């Protein structure tokens, strides 16, 4: 019997997951699309959608979820922080 091993990826942070959802919704996305593309369970998706909607980072359109202007700012700031952290990647701590 062959054993299939999965390559272990580091666990995403809450902010990385929120960024992923906001990015998927920047042009509008349905709930199922978000769940599969962000690789989340239904329970996880519901939790994150509630947080993002509560913080006015996401809104519900006619039939899909849309990133708000405030959500776009979140994405810009997240990218800025990621760039800063990646700059020091060559140095060991």
Protein backbone atom coordinates (compact mmCIF):
# COMPACT_ATOMS: atom_id res chain seq x y z
CA UNK A 1 0.00 0.00 0.00
CA UNK A 2 1.40 3.38 -1.00
CA UNK A 3 1.48 6.15 1.53
CA UNK A 4 0.74 9.58 0.15
CA UNK A 5 2.32 12.39 2.10
CA UNK A 6 1.22 15.94 1.90
CA UNK A 7 3.72 18.73 1.84
CA UNK A 8 3.32 20.65 5.09
CA UNK A 9 2.59 24.31 4.64
CA UNK A 10 2.88 26.77 7.48
CA UNK A 11 -0.42 27.61 9.13
CA UNK A 12 -1.96 30.85 7.90
CA UNK A 13 -2.53 33.66 10.34
CA UNK A 14 -5.99 35.13 10.87
CA UNK A 15 -4.90 38.22 8.94
CA UNK A 16 -3.64 36.16 6.00
CA UNK A 17 -6.96 34.34 5.86
CA UNK A 18 -8.89 37.62 6.02
CA UNK A 19 -6.67 39.07 3.27
CA UNK A 20 -7.37 36.02 1.08
CA UNK A 21 -11.12 36.40 1.52
CA UNK A 22 -11.02 40.14 0.83
CA UNK A 23 -8.93 39.59 -2.28
CA UNK A 24 -11.36 36.96 -3.57
CA UNK A 25 -14.23 39.38 -2.97
CA UNK A 26 -12.61 42.43 -4.54
CA UNK A 27 -14.62 41.81 -7.73
CA UNK A 28 -17.44 39.93 -6.03
CA UNK A 29 -17.61 36.28 -4.99
CA UNK A 30 -20.23 33.80 -3.91
CA UNK A 31 -19.89 32.03 -0.57
CA UNK A 32 -19.06 28.62 -2.09
CA UNK A 33 -16.39 30.13 -4.32
CA UNK A 34 -14.76 31.82 -1.32
CA UNK A 35 -14.88 28.63 0.74
CA UNK A 36 -13.17 26.49 -1.91
CA UNK A 37 -10.67 29.08 -3.17
CA UNK A 38 -9.63 30.08 0.37
CA UNK A 39 -9.51 26.41 1.43
CA UNK A 40 -11.80 26.90 4.43
CA UNK A 41 -14.43 24.73 6.05
CA UNK A 42 -17.98 26.05 6.13
CA UNK A 43 -17.65 26.77 9.86
CA UNK A 44 -14.39 28.70 9.36
CA UNK A 45 -15.87 30.65 6.47
CA UNK A 46 -18.91 31.67 8.51
CA UNK A 47 -16.64 32.88 11.34
CA UNK A 48 -14.47 34.98 9.03
CA UNK A 49 -17.39 36.40 7.05
CA UNK A 50 -19.03 37.51 10.31
CA UNK A 51 -15.82 39.25 11.43
CA UNK A 52 -15.28 40.97 8.08
CA UNK A 53 -18.91 42.08 7.79
CA UNK A 54 -18.94 43.32 11.39
CA UNK A 55 -15.79 45.39 10.79
CA UNK A 56 -17.20 46.84 7.54
CA UNK A 57 -14.40 45.28 5.47
CA UNK A 58 -16.87 43.24 3.45
CA UNK A 59 -20.44 43.79 2.31
CA UNK A 60 -23.14 41.62 0.79
CA UNK A 61 -24.16 42.64 -2.72
CA UNK A 62 -27.12 41.32 -4.72
CA UNK A 63 -25.90 37.73 -4.83
CA UNK A 64 -22.29 37.89 -3.69
CA UNK A 65 -19.81 39.32 -1.22
CA UNK A 66 -17.85 42.47 -2.08
CA UNK A 67 -14.80 44.06 -0.49
CA UNK A 68 -15.55 47.56 0.80
CA UNK A 69 -13.22 50.57 0.37
CA UNK A 70 -12.22 50.01 4.00
CA UNK A 71 -11.41 46.38 3.09
CA UNK A 72 -9.22 47.61 0.24
CA UNK A 73 -7.28 49.73 2.73
CA UNK A 74 -6.83 46.64 4.93
CA UNK A 75 -5.39 44.78 1.92
CA UNK A 76 -3.00 47.64 1.09
CA UNK A 77 -1.75 47.85 4.70
CA UNK A 78 -1.38 44.07 4.89
CA UNK A 79 0.74 44.07 1.71
CA UNK A 80 2.85 46.92 3.09
CA UNK A 81 3.55 45.02 6.32
CA UNK A 82 4.33 41.84 4.40
CA UNK A 83 6.84 43.73 2.22
CA UNK A 84 8.54 45.17 5.31
CA UNK A 85 8.79 41.73 6.91
CA UNK A 86 10.07 40.13 3.71
CA UNK A 87 12.84 42.75 3.32
CA UNK A 88 14.67 41.35 6.33
CA UNK A 89 14.34 37.78 5.10
CA UNK A 90 18.03 37.60 4.19
CA UNK A 91 19.12 38.24 7.77
CA UNK A 92 18.91 35.58 10.44
CA UNK A 93 17.45 36.45 13.81
